[in-house]
Amino acid sequence: GQDGQNGVDGQDGQDGVDGQDAIPNTMTSSIFCTGLLEGSNMSFHYTVAQFALGEVFVNGGVWGPYTEVSNSKLYSIMQNGFETAPISFTHDALGTANGGYWLISLSRETLVTTIEYTDVDGILSWEMAPENCIINDYTTSN
C-alpha cells in the first residue's frame, strides 16, 4: 500500500557540552645558520622555527654566483627525521650538469649543521660549527 503521512517532528535535543579552548600554536624559537662552504663558491642557509605544540618548520638552501636553490618542510614531533629536520633539494654544483642532490640538517642539541652533496661526479660534505648559528627565543617579553 501507500506510505502514510510523516508524523510531527519531536522536540529539539539537549545542547552538548562546550569543547576545550584551543591552545595557541605560536612560534617559540628559531635558529638561523649560514656560512660559506669551504672549497666551493657556494654558501648555505638553514632556518628552523619551533612551535608551541611541537612542530618545526624548516627552510634551507644553497646559493652562489647566478644561482640560489632552497626548499621547505614541516615536521611533526612524531615524524621520522624530526630530531635533525633534514631539508633536501636538487641542484647540480659539481662537474658535468648531470644532477646533484643536497641534504642539510641541524642537530638542535649541538647546533652542528651538516651539509651533504651527492652527485655522479662526486660526494662532498661539510660540518658547520655552532658559531654559524643564531638562536632567537620568542617566549620572553621585552
N, C-alpha and C. Protein backbone atom coordinates (compact mmCIF):
# COMPACT_ATOMS: atom_id res chain seq x y z
N GLY A 1 0.79 -1.17 0.00
CA GLY A 1 0.00 0.00 0.00
C GLY A 1 0.85 1.26 0.00
N GLN A 2 0.16 2.35 0.03
CA GLN A 2 0.79 3.66 0.00
C GLN A 2 1.29 4.02 1.40
N ASP A 3 2.53 4.73 1.45
CA ASP A 3 3.08 5.15 2.75
C ASP A 3 2.15 6.20 3.34
N GLY A 4 2.10 6.21 4.66
CA GLY A 4 1.30 7.21 5.37
C GLY A 4 2.03 8.54 5.46
N GLN A 5 1.40 9.55 5.99
CA GLN A 5 1.99 10.88 6.14
C GLN A 5 3.02 10.86 7.27
N ASN A 6 4.04 11.74 7.12
CA ASN A 6 5.05 11.87 8.18
C ASN A 6 4.41 12.41 9.44
N GLY A 7 4.91 11.98 10.58
CA GLY A 7 4.42 12.47 11.86
C GLY A 7 5.00 13.83 12.20
N VAL A 8 4.59 14.40 13.29
CA VAL A 8 5.07 15.70 13.77
C VAL A 8 6.48 15.52 14.31
N ASP A 9 7.39 16.49 13.99
CA ASP A 9 8.77 16.43 14.49
C ASP A 9 8.78 16.46 16.01
N GLY A 10 9.74 15.77 16.60
CA GLY A 10 9.90 15.77 18.05
C GLY A 10 10.60 17.03 18.54
N GLN A 11 10.75 17.16 19.84
CA GLN A 11 11.40 18.33 20.44
C GLN A 11 12.91 18.28 20.15
N ASP A 12 13.53 19.49 20.13
CA ASP A 12 14.98 19.56 19.96
C ASP A 12 15.67 18.84 21.10
N GLY A 13 16.83 18.25 20.81
CA GLY A 13 17.63 17.60 21.84
C GLY A 13 18.35 18.59 22.73
N GLN A 14 19.00 18.08 23.76
CA GLN A 14 19.73 18.90 24.71
C GLN A 14 21.04 19.38 24.09
N ASP A 15 21.47 20.62 24.40
CA ASP A 15 22.74 21.13 23.89
C ASP A 15 23.90 20.30 24.43
N GLY A 16 24.95 20.15 23.60
CA GLY A 16 26.15 19.43 24.00
C GLY A 16 27.02 20.27 24.93
N VAL A 17 28.02 19.62 25.50
CA VAL A 17 28.97 20.28 26.39
C VAL A 17 29.95 21.09 25.55
N ASP A 18 30.31 22.30 26.02
CA ASP A 18 31.28 23.12 25.30
C ASP A 18 32.62 22.40 25.22
N GLY A 19 33.31 22.58 24.09
CA GLY A 19 34.63 21.99 23.89
C GLY A 19 35.71 22.78 24.61
N GLN A 20 36.90 22.22 24.62
CA GLN A 20 38.05 22.85 25.26
C GLN A 20 38.58 23.98 24.38
N ASP A 21 39.04 25.06 25.00
CA ASP A 21 39.63 26.16 24.24
C ASP A 21 40.88 25.67 23.51
N ALA A 22 41.09 26.20 22.32
CA ALA A 22 42.26 25.85 21.53
C ALA A 22 43.52 26.42 22.19
N ILE A 23 44.61 25.68 22.07
CA ILE A 23 45.90 26.14 22.58
C ILE A 23 46.58 26.88 21.43
N PRO A 24 47.01 28.11 21.64
CA PRO A 24 47.67 28.81 20.54
C PRO A 24 48.99 28.14 20.17
N ASN A 25 49.16 27.88 18.89
CA ASN A 25 50.37 27.23 18.40
C ASN A 25 51.34 28.28 17.89
N THR A 26 51.85 29.08 18.79
CA THR A 26 52.73 30.18 18.42
C THR A 26 54.17 29.70 18.26
N MET A 27 54.95 30.47 17.53
CA MET A 27 56.36 30.17 17.37
C MET A 27 57.07 30.49 18.69
N THR A 28 57.84 29.54 19.22
CA THR A 28 58.52 29.73 20.49
C THR A 28 60.00 30.08 20.32
N SER A 29 60.60 29.61 19.23
CA SER A 29 62.02 29.91 19.00
C SER A 29 62.35 29.64 17.54
N SER A 30 63.50 30.17 17.13
CA SER A 30 64.00 29.86 15.79
C SER A 30 65.53 29.82 15.85
N ILE A 31 66.10 29.10 14.91
CA ILE A 31 67.55 29.01 14.78
C ILE A 31 67.88 29.30 13.32
N PHE A 32 68.80 30.20 13.09
CA PHE A 32 69.26 30.54 11.74
C PHE A 32 70.74 30.23 11.64
N CYS A 33 71.12 29.44 10.64
CA CYS A 33 72.52 29.08 10.42
C CYS A 33 72.90 29.42 8.98
N THR A 34 74.12 29.91 8.80
CA THR A 34 74.59 30.26 7.47
C THR A 34 76.11 30.24 7.44
N GLY A 35 76.68 30.10 6.26
CA GLY A 35 78.13 30.13 6.13
C GLY A 35 78.59 29.75 4.74
N LEU A 36 79.86 29.99 4.51
CA LEU A 36 80.50 29.61 3.24
C LEU A 36 80.82 28.12 3.27
N LEU A 37 80.66 27.45 2.13
CA LEU A 37 81.03 26.05 2.02
C LEU A 37 82.46 25.98 1.52
N GLU A 38 83.36 25.64 2.43
CA GLU A 38 84.81 25.66 2.14
C GLU A 38 85.14 24.84 0.89
N GLY A 39 86.00 25.41 0.04
CA GLY A 39 86.42 24.73 -1.17
C GLY A 39 85.44 24.88 -2.33
N SER A 40 84.44 25.73 -2.15
CA SER A 40 83.47 25.95 -3.23
C SER A 40 83.17 27.44 -3.32
N ASN A 41 82.37 27.82 -4.29
CA ASN A 41 81.93 29.20 -4.40
C ASN A 41 80.48 29.34 -3.93
N MET A 42 80.06 28.41 -3.06
CA MET A 42 78.68 28.36 -2.58
C MET A 42 78.61 28.67 -1.08
N SER A 43 77.44 29.13 -0.65
CA SER A 43 77.12 29.32 0.76
C SER A 43 75.83 28.57 1.05
N PHE A 44 75.55 28.34 2.32
CA PHE A 44 74.31 27.66 2.70
C PHE A 44 73.54 28.52 3.70
N HIS A 45 72.25 28.22 3.82
CA HIS A 45 71.43 28.78 4.90
C HIS A 45 70.45 27.71 5.35
N TYR A 46 70.12 27.74 6.63
CA TYR A 46 69.18 26.79 7.21
C TYR A 46 68.46 27.50 8.35
N THR A 47 67.14 27.48 8.33
CA THR A 47 66.35 28.09 9.39
C THR A 47 65.34 27.07 9.89
N VAL A 48 65.23 26.94 11.20
CA VAL A 48 64.21 26.08 11.79
C VAL A 48 63.40 26.91 12.78
N ALA A 49 62.07 26.83 12.69
CA ALA A 49 61.17 27.52 13.60
C ALA A 49 60.43 26.48 14.44
N GLN A 50 60.54 26.60 15.76
CA GLN A 50 59.90 25.67 16.69
C GLN A 50 58.56 26.25 17.14
N PHE A 51 57.50 25.44 17.16
CA PHE A 51 56.17 25.89 17.57
C PHE A 51 55.77 25.27 18.90
N ALA A 52 54.86 25.92 19.59
CA ALA A 52 54.45 25.53 20.95
C ALA A 52 53.93 24.10 21.04
N LEU A 53 53.25 23.61 20.02
CA LEU A 53 52.71 22.25 20.06
C LEU A 53 53.69 21.20 19.56
N GLY A 54 54.93 21.62 19.26
CA GLY A 54 55.98 20.67 18.94
C GLY A 54 56.46 20.66 17.50
N GLU A 55 55.65 21.09 16.55
CA GLU A 55 56.07 21.04 15.16
C GLU A 55 57.25 21.96 14.90
N VAL A 56 58.03 21.64 13.85
CA VAL A 56 59.08 22.54 13.40
C VAL A 56 58.91 22.76 11.90
N PHE A 57 59.14 23.99 11.48
CA PHE A 57 59.14 24.36 10.07
C PHE A 57 60.56 24.70 9.70
N VAL A 58 61.07 24.08 8.63
CA VAL A 58 62.45 24.33 8.21
C VAL A 58 62.51 24.85 6.78
N ASN A 59 63.52 25.67 6.55
CA ASN A 59 63.83 26.16 5.21
C ASN A 59 65.35 26.12 5.09
N GLY A 60 65.83 25.60 3.98
CA GLY A 60 67.27 25.55 3.79
C GLY A 60 67.61 25.59 2.33
N GLY A 61 68.84 26.04 2.05
CA GLY A 61 69.25 26.10 0.67
C GLY A 61 70.72 26.47 0.52
N VAL A 62 71.13 26.57 -0.73
CA VAL A 62 72.48 26.99 -1.08
C VAL A 62 72.38 28.10 -2.11
N TRP A 63 73.41 28.94 -2.15
CA TRP A 63 73.47 29.98 -3.18
C TRP A 63 74.91 30.24 -3.54
N GLY A 64 75.08 30.77 -4.73
CA GLY A 64 76.40 31.11 -5.24
C GLY A 64 76.22 32.03 -6.44
N PRO A 65 77.28 32.17 -7.23
CA PRO A 65 77.17 33.04 -8.40
C PRO A 65 76.03 32.59 -9.32
N TYR A 66 75.10 33.46 -9.56
CA TYR A 66 74.00 33.25 -10.50
C TYR A 66 73.02 32.15 -10.12
N THR A 67 73.02 31.71 -8.86
CA THR A 67 72.09 30.63 -8.50
C THR A 67 71.70 30.69 -7.03
N GLU A 68 70.49 30.28 -6.76
CA GLU A 68 70.03 30.05 -5.39
C GLU A 68 68.93 29.00 -5.45
N VAL A 69 69.04 27.98 -4.62
CA VAL A 69 68.07 26.89 -4.59
C VAL A 69 67.75 26.61 -3.13
N SER A 70 66.46 26.42 -2.83
CA SER A 70 66.07 26.12 -1.45
C SER A 70 64.80 25.28 -1.45
N ASN A 71 64.45 24.81 -0.27
CA ASN A 71 63.23 24.03 -0.08
C ASN A 71 62.76 24.22 1.35
N SER A 72 61.52 23.86 1.62
CA SER A 72 60.94 23.98 2.97
C SER A 72 60.21 22.69 3.31
N LYS A 73 60.06 22.46 4.62
CA LYS A 73 59.34 21.27 5.07
C LYS A 73 58.83 21.50 6.48
N LEU A 74 57.68 20.90 6.79
CA LEU A 74 57.10 20.95 8.13
C LEU A 74 57.20 19.56 8.73
N TYR A 75 57.74 19.47 9.96
CA TYR A 75 57.89 18.18 10.64
C TYR A 75 57.00 18.13 11.88
N SER A 76 56.26 17.05 12.02
CA SER A 76 55.52 16.75 13.24
C SER A 76 56.50 16.15 14.24
N ILE A 77 56.22 16.32 15.51
CA ILE A 77 57.09 15.77 16.56
C ILE A 77 57.21 14.25 16.45
N MET A 78 56.21 13.58 15.88
CA MET A 78 56.22 12.12 15.75
C MET A 78 56.81 11.65 14.41
N GLN A 79 57.18 12.57 13.54
CA GLN A 79 57.63 12.22 12.20
C GLN A 79 59.09 11.80 12.17
N ASN A 80 59.39 10.80 11.36
CA ASN A 80 60.76 10.36 11.16
C ASN A 80 61.60 11.53 10.65
N GLY A 81 62.74 11.80 11.27
CA GLY A 81 63.60 12.90 10.87
C GLY A 81 63.41 14.15 11.70
N PHE A 82 62.44 14.16 12.62
CA PHE A 82 62.14 15.35 13.42
C PHE A 82 63.38 15.87 14.17
N GLU A 83 64.21 14.99 14.68
CA GLU A 83 65.34 15.39 15.52
C GLU A 83 66.31 16.34 14.82
N THR A 84 66.59 16.10 13.54
CA THR A 84 67.52 16.95 12.80
C THR A 84 66.84 17.71 11.67
N ALA A 85 65.56 17.43 11.41
CA ALA A 85 64.73 18.12 10.41
C ALA A 85 65.48 18.38 9.10
N PRO A 86 65.89 17.30 8.40
CA PRO A 86 66.64 17.50 7.16
C PRO A 86 65.79 18.12 6.06
N ILE A 87 66.44 18.90 5.24
CA ILE A 87 65.80 19.50 4.06
C ILE A 87 66.59 19.05 2.85
N SER A 88 65.91 18.69 1.77
CA SER A 88 66.61 18.20 0.58
C SER A 88 66.11 18.93 -0.66
N PHE A 89 66.98 18.99 -1.65
CA PHE A 89 66.64 19.61 -2.93
C PHE A 89 67.68 19.20 -3.95
N THR A 90 67.36 19.39 -5.22
CA THR A 90 68.29 19.06 -6.29
C THR A 90 68.88 20.32 -6.90
N HIS A 91 70.16 20.26 -7.18
CA HIS A 91 70.87 21.34 -7.87
C HIS A 91 72.28 20.84 -8.17
N ASP A 92 72.65 20.78 -9.43
CA ASP A 92 73.98 20.31 -9.80
C ASP A 92 75.02 21.39 -9.54
N ALA A 93 76.06 21.03 -8.81
CA ALA A 93 77.10 22.01 -8.47
C ALA A 93 78.51 21.45 -8.65
N LEU A 94 78.64 20.30 -9.33
CA LEU A 94 79.95 19.66 -9.45
C LEU A 94 80.06 18.98 -10.80
N GLY A 95 81.16 19.24 -11.49
CA GLY A 95 81.43 18.55 -12.76
C GLY A 95 80.40 18.85 -13.84
N THR A 96 80.08 17.82 -14.60
CA THR A 96 79.11 17.93 -15.69
C THR A 96 77.71 18.15 -15.14
N ALA A 97 76.88 18.84 -15.90
CA ALA A 97 75.50 19.08 -15.48
C ALA A 97 74.68 17.80 -15.62
N ASN A 98 74.79 16.92 -14.62
CA ASN A 98 74.11 15.62 -14.67
C ASN A 98 73.29 15.36 -13.40
N GLY A 99 73.00 16.40 -12.65
CA GLY A 99 72.15 16.26 -11.46
C GLY A 99 72.97 16.21 -10.19
N GLY A 100 72.39 16.71 -9.14
CA GLY A 100 73.03 16.68 -7.83
C GLY A 100 71.97 16.81 -6.75
N TYR A 101 72.20 16.21 -5.61
CA TYR A 101 71.23 16.12 -4.53
C TYR A 101 71.85 16.69 -3.26
N TRP A 102 71.19 17.66 -2.64
CA TRP A 102 71.65 18.30 -1.41
C TRP A 102 70.80 17.84 -0.23
N LEU A 103 71.43 17.71 0.93
CA LEU A 103 70.74 17.40 2.18
C LEU A 103 71.37 18.25 3.27
N ILE A 104 70.56 19.09 3.92
CA ILE A 104 71.04 19.95 5.00
C ILE A 104 70.24 19.61 6.25
N SER A 105 70.93 19.42 7.37
CA SER A 105 70.26 19.11 8.63
C SER A 105 70.98 19.79 9.78
N LEU A 106 70.29 19.90 10.90
CA LEU A 106 70.84 20.58 12.08
C LEU A 106 70.53 19.79 13.33
N SER A 107 71.56 19.52 14.13
CA SER A 107 71.33 18.97 15.46
C SER A 107 70.95 20.16 16.35
N ARG A 108 69.70 20.18 16.81
CA ARG A 108 69.27 21.30 17.65
C ARG A 108 69.87 21.20 19.06
N GLU A 109 70.50 20.08 19.38
CA GLU A 109 71.18 19.93 20.67
C GLU A 109 72.60 20.50 20.61
N THR A 110 73.34 20.17 19.55
CA THR A 110 74.75 20.60 19.45
C THR A 110 74.93 21.84 18.58
N LEU A 111 73.92 22.19 17.79
CA LEU A 111 73.96 23.29 16.82
C LEU A 111 75.00 23.07 15.73
N VAL A 112 75.29 21.81 15.44
CA VAL A 112 76.17 21.48 14.32
C VAL A 112 75.29 21.25 13.09
N THR A 113 75.58 21.99 12.02
CA THR A 113 74.84 21.85 10.76
C THR A 113 75.64 20.94 9.84
N THR A 114 74.97 19.99 9.22
CA THR A 114 75.60 19.07 8.28
C THR A 114 75.04 19.34 6.89
N ILE A 115 75.92 19.54 5.94
CA ILE A 115 75.54 19.78 4.55
C ILE A 115 76.19 18.67 3.73
N GLU A 116 75.37 17.92 2.99
CA GLU A 116 75.87 16.83 2.17
C GLU A 116 75.43 17.04 0.73
N TYR A 117 76.36 16.82 -0.19
CA TYR A 117 76.06 16.93 -1.62
C TYR A 117 76.45 15.64 -2.31
N THR A 118 75.51 15.03 -3.03
CA THR A 118 75.76 13.77 -3.73
C THR A 118 75.52 13.98 -5.22
N ASP A 119 76.50 13.59 -6.02
CA ASP A 119 76.47 13.80 -7.47
C ASP A 119 77.19 12.61 -8.11
N VAL A 120 76.85 12.30 -9.34
CA VAL A 120 77.57 11.26 -10.09
C VAL A 120 79.06 11.59 -10.13
N ASP A 121 79.37 12.90 -10.16
CA ASP A 121 80.76 13.35 -10.26
C ASP A 121 81.51 13.36 -8.92
N GLY A 122 80.83 13.10 -7.82
CA GLY A 122 81.50 13.07 -6.53
C GLY A 122 80.55 13.36 -5.38
N ILE A 123 81.07 13.18 -4.19
CA ILE A 123 80.31 13.44 -2.96
C ILE A 123 81.09 14.43 -2.13
N LEU A 124 80.41 15.47 -1.66
CA LEU A 124 81.03 16.49 -0.82
C LEU A 124 80.22 16.60 0.47
N SER A 125 80.89 16.94 1.57
CA SER A 125 80.16 17.17 2.82
C SER A 125 80.90 18.19 3.67
N TRP A 126 80.12 18.91 4.47
CA TRP A 126 80.64 19.92 5.37
C TRP A 126 79.93 19.79 6.70
N GLU A 127 80.64 20.10 7.78
CA GLU A 127 80.04 20.25 9.11
C GLU A 127 80.36 21.66 9.56
N MET A 128 79.31 22.38 9.91
CA MET A 128 79.47 23.78 10.32
C MET A 128 79.32 23.87 11.83
N ALA A 129 80.19 24.65 12.45
CA ALA A 129 80.23 24.81 13.91
C ALA A 129 79.03 25.61 14.41
N PRO A 130 78.73 25.48 15.71
CA PRO A 130 77.63 26.23 16.31
C PRO A 130 77.74 27.74 16.14
N GLU A 131 78.96 28.25 15.98
CA GLU A 131 79.16 29.69 15.80
C GLU A 131 78.48 30.21 14.53
N ASN A 132 78.10 29.30 13.62
CA ASN A 132 77.42 29.69 12.39
C ASN A 132 75.90 29.84 12.58
N CYS A 133 75.44 29.69 13.82
CA CYS A 133 74.00 29.72 14.10
C CYS A 133 73.65 30.82 15.10
N ILE A 134 72.45 31.35 14.93
CA ILE A 134 71.88 32.36 15.85
C ILE A 134 70.56 31.80 16.36
N ILE A 135 70.37 31.82 17.69
CA ILE A 135 69.13 31.35 18.31
C ILE A 135 68.29 32.56 18.73
N ASN A 136 67.00 32.49 18.40
CA ASN A 136 66.04 33.51 18.83
C ASN A 136 64.98 32.85 19.71
N ASP A 137 64.76 33.40 20.89
CA ASP A 137 63.75 32.89 21.83
C ASP A 137 62.58 33.87 21.85
N TYR A 138 61.39 33.38 21.53
CA TYR A 138 60.21 34.24 21.48
C TYR A 138 59.27 34.03 22.67
N THR A 139 59.75 33.33 23.71
CA THR A 139 58.89 33.04 24.86
C THR A 139 58.96 34.11 25.94
N THR A 140 59.94 35.01 25.87
CA THR A 140 60.04 36.06 26.86
C THR A 140 59.62 37.38 26.26
N SER A 141 59.01 38.24 27.05
CA SER A 141 58.62 39.55 26.52
C SER A 141 59.70 40.58 26.84
N ASN A 142 59.72 41.61 26.02
CA ASN A 142 60.72 42.67 26.19
C ASN A 142 60.33 43.63 27.25
